[in-house]
């Protein structure tokens, strides 16, 4: 928690000094489109995995799951319902799909009924404030590596998520810049710091926000309304725990959101290899390495190289060369 707190403070400094914003602005538009599409594939992969449609394999890493399993059939039912509502243009299609799947799951016995409707939220007495209490012990060489790793992964995970969500919402400018990025990044870093003090893992921008965008959310009011409903939901957690504890219920939502985010693939200039190669590496590495940061790192590592080979080195932002060196260090010393 102390390491998370330190990374949040560093995030905040990078945000208010606009260093983080400048790094995001330096990423070319084609790569930002690839980031959004890659996150879409990553989210869809998570959904397919949770649904049991895609399972692990010692021989081929992944293969088709068992369609005779009740949970897999339930997830397929949920996907069908969600897709139908979505195609019909119904607002809240994802929510309707989750509700319908939950009801069918309860009737079929695959989803358990809640033990209660209302209950007092569990406390955080064991973790609250511990990040501050143990902060003096965080200034060691070993913890420095931990903080640096968290800083790198969370930096590009959150930045990639913001880019992907903004692109899906149609908020990126013609030049690919994210409007009011400094405010968004500052809020993100404050969330990380506050979450660490409360006693939870890194609180940052999450890909689940794409579900809100798909339902029509476009402004900060969406986030405020969501936060208010979460505060209410804390006291109804036995009911919501039923949904959260059944991956087959939420998997269809992730798959559908992945489809919506993958639309940015069509805007990438695939006929130009200097864009196609780093874009493809970005897209494919996210689901295959189970990491948004790894996908961004691999794509931006190759981008300056192919641009130089194409004799377009002058178009590469100086920040990209710095990032290239950082990514090399990450892959050799920090990545697992």
Protein backbone atom coordinates (compact mmCIF):
# COMPACT_ATOMS: atom_id res chain seq x y z
CA UNK A 1 0.00 0.00 0.00
CA UNK A 2 2.88 2.36 0.76
CA UNK A 3 4.35 1.64 -2.67
CA UNK A 4 0.98 2.40 -4.26
CA UNK A 5 0.81 5.65 -2.29
CA UNK A 6 4.25 6.73 -3.50
CA UNK A 7 3.37 5.92 -7.11
CA UNK A 8 0.16 7.97 -6.74
CA UNK A 9 2.07 10.98 -5.47
CA UNK A 10 4.53 10.71 -8.38
CA UNK A 11 1.57 10.37 -10.75
CA UNK A 12 0.08 13.58 -9.37
CA UNK A 13 3.35 15.50 -9.81
CA UNK A 14 3.61 14.26 -13.40
CA UNK A 15 0.00 15.30 -14.00
CA UNK A 16 0.10 18.85 -12.60
CA UNK A 17 3.42 19.54 -14.35
CA UNK A 18 1.76 18.28 -17.59
CA UNK A 19 4.66 15.88 -18.20
CA UNK A 20 2.27 12.96 -18.46
CA UNK A 21 0.01 14.92 -20.81
CA UNK A 22 2.95 15.77 -23.07
CA UNK A 23 3.93 12.09 -23.23
CA UNK A 24 0.39 11.12 -24.27
CA UNK A 25 0.26 13.95 -26.85
CA UNK A 26 3.56 12.72 -28.33
CA UNK A 27 2.02 9.35 -29.21
CA UNK A 28 0.91 9.51 -32.88
CA UNK A 29 -2.76 9.19 -33.77
CA UNK A 30 -2.31 5.86 -35.56
CA UNK A 31 -0.83 4.34 -32.42
CA UNK A 32 -3.63 5.76 -30.29
CA UNK A 33 -6.14 4.06 -32.56
CA UNK A 34 -4.21 0.83 -32.12
CA UNK A 35 -4.26 1.25 -28.33
CA UNK A 36 -8.05 1.57 -28.34
CA UNK A 37 -8.48 -1.47 -30.57
CA UNK A 38 -5.99 -3.49 -28.54
CA UNK A 39 -7.86 -2.74 -25.33
CA UNK A 40 -11.02 -3.88 -27.11
CA UNK A 41 -9.44 -7.24 -27.95
CA UNK A 42 -8.07 -7.52 -24.42
CA UNK A 43 -11.49 -6.86 -22.88
CA UNK A 44 -13.15 -9.34 -25.26
CA UNK A 45 -10.51 -11.95 -24.38
CA UNK A 46 -11.26 -11.46 -20.69
CA UNK A 47 -14.94 -11.96 -21.43
CA UNK A 48 -14.35 -15.11 -23.47
CA UNK A 49 -12.12 -16.48 -20.70
CA UNK A 50 -14.63 -15.71 -17.95
CA UNK A 51 -17.39 -17.28 -20.03
CA UNK A 52 -15.41 -20.49 -20.43
CA UNK A 53 -15.57 -20.14 -24.21
CA UNK A 54 -11.77 -19.90 -24.30
CA UNK A 55 -9.80 -22.01 -21.81
CA UNK A 56 -6.15 -22.73 -21.08
CA UNK A 57 -4.27 -25.50 -22.85
CA UNK A 58 -0.82 -26.97 -22.15
CA UNK A 59 -0.39 -27.82 -25.81
CA UNK A 60 -1.64 -24.66 -27.54
CA UNK A 61 -1.91 -22.13 -24.66
CA UNK A 62 -5.64 -21.64 -25.40
CA UNK A 63 -8.39 -23.64 -27.05
CA UNK A 64 -12.18 -23.87 -27.25
CA UNK A 65 -14.01 -24.52 -24.01
CA UNK A 66 -16.63 -27.11 -23.13
CA UNK A 67 -20.03 -25.99 -24.43
CA UNK A 68 -21.73 -28.64 -22.29
CA UNK A 69 -20.93 -26.70 -19.13
CA UNK A 70 -23.87 -24.84 -17.65
CA UNK A 71 -21.91 -21.64 -16.97
CA UNK A 72 -20.68 -21.49 -20.56
CA UNK A 73 -24.19 -21.97 -21.91
CA UNK A 74 -25.42 -19.25 -19.55
CA UNK A 75 -22.75 -16.87 -20.85
CA UNK A 76 -23.71 -17.66 -24.45
CA UNK A 77 -27.34 -16.93 -23.60
CA UNK A 78 -26.31 -13.61 -22.06
CA UNK A 79 -24.23 -12.74 -25.11
CA UNK A 80 -27.17 -13.49 -27.40
CA UNK A 81 -29.56 -11.33 -25.38
CA UNK A 82 -27.08 -8.45 -25.12
CA UNK A 83 -26.32 -8.52 -28.85
CA UNK A 84 -30.03 -8.52 -29.75
CA UNK A 85 -30.72 -5.50 -27.51
CA UNK A 86 -27.63 -3.75 -28.88
CA UNK A 87 -28.58 -4.34 -32.52
CA UNK A 88 -32.11 -3.08 -31.81
CA UNK A 89 -30.54 0.13 -30.51
CA UNK A 90 -31.84 -0.23 -26.95
CA UNK A 91 -30.18 2.08 -24.44
CA UNK A 92 -28.83 0.06 -21.56
CA UNK A 93 -28.44 -3.07 -23.68
CA UNK A 94 -25.50 -4.26 -21.57
CA UNK A 95 -27.49 -3.81 -18.36
CA UNK A 96 -30.50 -5.64 -19.78
CA UNK A 97 -28.25 -8.51 -20.79
CA UNK A 98 -26.76 -8.76 -17.30
CA UNK A 99 -30.21 -8.71 -15.65
CA UNK A 100 -31.64 -11.33 -18.03
CA UNK A 101 -28.61 -13.59 -17.57
CA UNK A 102 -28.80 -13.25 -13.79
CA UNK A 103 -32.48 -14.20 -13.75
CA UNK A 104 -31.93 -17.25 -15.98
CA UNK A 105 -28.90 -18.19 -13.88
CA UNK A 106 -30.95 -18.09 -10.67
CA UNK A 107 -33.79 -20.12 -12.21
CA UNK A 108 -31.36 -22.75 -13.52
CA UNK A 109 -29.45 -22.90 -10.25
CA UNK A 110 -26.19 -21.63 -11.77
CA UNK A 111 -26.41 -18.38 -9.84
CA UNK A 112 -27.11 -18.41 -6.11
CA UNK A 113 -29.70 -16.18 -4.46
CA UNK A 114 -28.29 -13.47 -2.16
CA UNK A 115 -28.29 -14.24 1.57
CA UNK A 116 -29.80 -10.81 2.19
CA UNK A 117 -30.83 -7.66 0.35
CA UNK A 118 -29.36 -5.00 2.63
CA UNK A 119 -26.32 -5.35 4.88
CA UNK A 120 -23.70 -3.17 6.56
CA UNK A 121 -20.57 -2.78 4.41
CA UNK A 122 -17.52 -4.59 5.69
CA UNK A 123 -14.90 -2.32 7.20
CA UNK A 124 -11.31 -1.70 6.14
CA UNK A 125 -9.95 -1.59 9.67
CA UNK A 126 -7.02 -3.86 8.81
CA UNK A 127 -5.83 -1.80 5.85
CA UNK A 128 -7.12 1.76 6.37
CA UNK A 129 -4.24 4.19 6.78
CA UNK A 130 -1.59 1.47 6.80
CA UNK A 131 0.05 2.98 3.72
CA UNK A 132 0.96 6.05 5.79
CA UNK A 133 1.95 4.05 8.87
CA UNK A 134 4.44 1.94 6.91
CA UNK A 135 5.61 4.71 4.56
CA UNK A 136 9.04 5.10 6.25
CA UNK A 137 9.77 1.46 5.37
CA UNK A 138 9.07 2.11 1.69
CA UNK A 139 12.27 4.07 1.07
CA UNK A 140 14.54 1.12 0.38
CA UNK A 141 16.28 -0.15 -2.75
CA UNK A 142 13.97 -3.16 -2.98
CA UNK A 143 10.86 -1.01 -2.65
CA UNK A 144 12.24 1.42 -5.22
CA UNK A 145 12.10 -1.37 -7.80
CA UNK A 146 8.52 -2.17 -6.74
CA UNK A 147 7.43 1.47 -7.00
CA UNK A 148 9.19 1.89 -10.35
CA UNK A 149 7.48 -1.20 -11.74
CA UNK A 150 4.08 -0.06 -10.48
CA UNK A 151 4.72 3.42 -11.82
CA UNK A 152 5.57 2.18 -15.30
CA UNK A 153 2.76 -0.36 -15.61
CA UNK A 154 0.08 1.86 -14.10
CA UNK A 155 1.28 4.89 -16.07
CA UNK A 156 0.78 3.22 -19.43
CA UNK A 157 -2.18 1.08 -18.38
CA UNK A 158 -4.11 4.14 -17.24
CA UNK A 159 -2.92 6.31 -20.14
CA UNK A 160 -3.85 3.62 -22.65
CA UNK A 161 -7.25 3.17 -21.02
CA UNK A 162 -7.93 6.92 -21.14
CA UNK A 163 -6.94 7.02 -24.81
CA UNK A 164 -9.08 3.99 -25.65
CA UNK A 165 -12.15 5.23 -23.79
CA UNK A 166 -11.82 8.76 -25.19
CA UNK A 167 -11.52 7.36 -28.69
CA UNK A 168 -14.61 5.20 -28.21
CA UNK A 169 -16.51 8.22 -26.91
CA UNK A 170 -15.40 10.31 -29.89
CA UNK A 171 -13.54 12.77 -27.65
CA UNK A 172 -10.11 12.64 -29.29
CA UNK A 173 -9.36 15.69 -31.42
CA UNK A 174 -8.47 15.50 -35.13
CA UNK A 175 -4.79 15.53 -34.16
CA UNK A 176 -5.34 12.69 -31.70
CA UNK A 177 -4.96 14.88 -28.61
CA UNK A 178 -7.08 14.24 -25.53
CA UNK A 179 -8.89 17.43 -24.44
CA UNK A 180 -8.45 18.48 -20.80
CA UNK A 181 -6.01 15.62 -20.34
CA UNK A 182 -4.29 17.31 -17.39
CA UNK A 183 -7.51 17.34 -15.36
CA UNK A 184 -8.29 13.71 -16.20
CA UNK A 185 -4.79 12.57 -15.31
CA UNK A 186 -4.79 14.57 -12.07
CA UNK A 187 -8.07 12.92 -11.05
CA UNK A 188 -6.58 9.55 -11.91
CA UNK A 189 -3.54 10.15 -9.71
CA UNK A 190 -5.66 11.45 -6.81
CA UNK A 191 -7.70 8.25 -7.04
CA UNK A 192 -4.52 6.18 -6.80
CA UNK A 193 -3.31 8.11 -3.74
CA UNK A 194 -6.68 8.07 -1.96
CA UNK A 195 -7.18 4.38 -2.70
CA UNK A 196 -3.81 3.53 -1.16
CA UNK A 197 -4.65 5.46 2.02
CA UNK A 198 -8.05 3.78 2.28
CA UNK A 199 -6.36 0.43 1.82
CA UNK A 200 -6.96 -0.89 -1.66
CA UNK A 201 -4.82 -1.64 -4.69
CA UNK A 202 -4.15 0.95 -7.39
CA UNK A 203 -7.32 2.93 -8.10
CA UNK A 204 -7.11 4.22 -11.64
CA UNK A 205 -8.94 4.44 -14.96
CA UNK A 206 -10.39 1.02 -15.76
CA UNK A 207 -11.49 -0.49 -19.05
CA UNK A 208 -14.90 -1.24 -17.52
CA UNK A 209 -15.68 2.44 -18.09
CA UNK A 210 -16.20 1.52 -21.73
CA UNK A 211 -19.51 -0.06 -20.70
CA UNK A 212 -20.67 3.40 -19.61
CA UNK A 213 -19.55 4.92 -22.89
CA UNK A 214 -21.41 2.24 -24.83
CA UNK A 215 -24.56 3.21 -22.88
CA UNK A 216 -24.17 6.85 -23.95
CA UNK A 217 -21.97 8.35 -21.24
CA UNK A 218 -19.84 11.23 -22.55
CA UNK A 219 -19.25 13.69 -19.68
CA UNK A 220 -17.96 13.78 -16.12
CA UNK A 221 -21.56 13.64 -14.94
CA UNK A 222 -21.53 9.97 -15.92
CA UNK A 223 -18.68 9.30 -13.48
CA UNK A 224 -20.34 11.33 -10.71
CA UNK A 225 -23.63 9.46 -11.15
CA UNK A 226 -21.77 6.14 -11.14
CA UNK A 227 -19.95 7.08 -7.93
CA UNK A 228 -23.23 8.03 -6.23
CA UNK A 229 -24.83 4.74 -7.22
CA UNK A 230 -21.78 2.86 -5.99
CA UNK A 231 -22.18 4.58 -2.62
CA UNK A 232 -25.79 3.35 -2.49
CA UNK A 233 -24.78 -0.11 -3.75
CA UNK A 234 -22.40 -0.51 -0.80
CA UNK A 235 -25.40 -1.21 1.39
CA UNK A 236 -26.91 -3.62 -1.13
CA UNK A 237 -23.68 -5.54 -1.70
CA UNK A 238 -25.27 -8.97 -1.03
CA UNK A 239 -27.38 -8.51 -4.19
CA UNK A 240 -24.56 -7.17 -6.34
CA UNK A 241 -22.17 -9.81 -5.03
CA UNK A 242 -24.36 -12.37 -6.77
CA UNK A 243 -23.56 -10.77 -10.13
CA UNK A 244 -19.90 -10.09 -9.32
CA UNK A 245 -19.45 -13.66 -8.16
CA UNK A 246 -20.77 -15.13 -11.40
CA UNK A 247 -18.26 -14.46 -14.23
CA UNK A 248 -20.67 -15.97 -16.76
CA UNK A 249 -23.11 -13.13 -16.04
CA UNK A 250 -20.67 -10.27 -16.71
CA UNK A 251 -18.67 -11.96 -19.47
CA UNK A 252 -21.13 -11.06 -22.28
CA UNK A 253 -20.81 -7.37 -21.38
CA UNK A 254 -17.03 -7.53 -21.72
CA UNK A 255 -17.25 -9.28 -25.10
CA UNK A 256 -19.72 -6.74 -26.48
CA UNK A 257 -17.67 -3.79 -25.20
CA UNK A 258 -14.62 -5.34 -26.85
CA UNK A 259 -16.48 -5.42 -30.16
CA UNK A 260 -17.39 -1.74 -29.85
CA UNK A 261 -13.81 -0.72 -29.08
CA UNK A 262 -12.36 -2.78 -31.92
CA UNK A 263 -14.06 -0.47 -34.42
CA UNK A 264 -11.01 1.79 -34.37
CA UNK A 265 -9.14 -0.92 -36.30
CA UNK A 266 -10.87 0.37 -39.42
CA UNK A 267 -9.29 3.83 -38.99
CA UNK A 268 -5.71 2.55 -38.97
CA UNK A 269 -3.84 3.05 -42.25
CA UNK A 270 -2.93 -0.61 -42.76
CA UNK A 271 -1.60 0.02 -46.27
CA UNK A 272 1.32 1.93 -44.73
CA UNK A 273 3.68 -0.54 -43.09
CA UNK A 274 5.29 2.13 -40.94
CA UNK A 275 1.92 2.35 -39.17
CA UNK A 276 0.65 -1.19 -39.68
CA UNK A 277 3.59 -3.02 -38.05
CA UNK A 278 3.72 -1.13 -34.71
CA UNK A 279 -0.09 -0.90 -34.63
CA UNK A 280 -0.48 -4.65 -35.09
CA UNK A 281 2.11 -5.40 -32.40
CA UNK A 282 0.25 -3.08 -30.02
CA UNK A 283 -3.09 -4.72 -30.73
CA UNK A 284 -1.94 -8.34 -30.57
CA UNK A 285 0.36 -8.03 -27.55
CA UNK A 286 -2.32 -6.71 -25.19
CA UNK A 287 -4.46 -9.86 -25.07
CA UNK A 288 -1.57 -12.28 -25.56
CA UNK A 289 0.52 -10.85 -22.70
CA UNK A 290 -2.53 -9.97 -20.58
CA UNK A 291 -1.29 -6.40 -20.24
CA UNK A 292 -2.19 -3.04 -21.77
CA UNK A 293 1.22 -1.65 -20.83
CA UNK A 294 3.08 -4.45 -22.63
CA UNK A 295 1.13 -3.81 -25.82
CA UNK A 296 1.84 -0.08 -25.75
CA UNK A 297 5.50 -0.69 -24.97
CA UNK A 298 5.99 -3.15 -27.83
CA UNK A 299 4.24 -0.96 -30.39
CA UNK A 300 6.01 2.26 -29.43
CA UNK A 301 9.32 0.41 -29.30
CA UNK A 302 9.01 -0.46 -33.00
CA UNK A 303 7.41 2.80 -34.17
CA UNK A 304 10.61 4.95 -34.26
CA UNK A 305 12.53 2.09 -35.90
CA UNK A 306 10.13 1.65 -38.82
CA UNK A 307 9.81 5.43 -39.25
CA UNK A 308 13.60 5.69 -39.60
CA UNK A 309 13.60 2.82 -42.09
CA UNK A 310 10.92 4.69 -44.04
CA UNK A 311 13.10 7.83 -43.98
CA UNK A 312 10.53 9.71 -41.93
CA UNK A 313 12.65 10.14 -38.81
CA UNK A 314 11.88 13.86 -38.65
CA UNK A 315 8.23 13.05 -37.97
CA UNK A 316 9.10 11.12 -34.81
CA UNK A 317 8.55 13.24 -31.71
CA UNK A 318 11.66 13.49 -29.48
CA UNK A 319 9.65 12.05 -26.60
CA UNK A 320 9.21 8.85 -28.62
CA UNK A 321 12.96 8.25 -28.60
CA UNK A 322 13.01 8.65 -24.82
CA UNK A 323 10.12 6.21 -24.53
CA UNK A 324 11.93 3.75 -26.76
CA UNK A 325 14.86 3.68 -24.33
CA UNK A 326 12.50 3.39 -21.37
CA UNK A 327 10.65 0.47 -22.97
CA UNK A 328 13.90 -1.36 -23.66
CA UNK A 329 14.79 -1.01 -19.99
CA UNK A 330 11.34 -2.17 -19.00
CA UNK A 331 11.45 -5.36 -21.08
CA UNK A 332 14.93 -6.31 -19.94
CA UNK A 333 14.74 -5.37 -16.25
CA UNK A 334 11.13 -4.92 -15.06
CA UNK A 335 8.77 -7.00 -17.19
CA UNK A 336 7.91 -10.54 -16.13
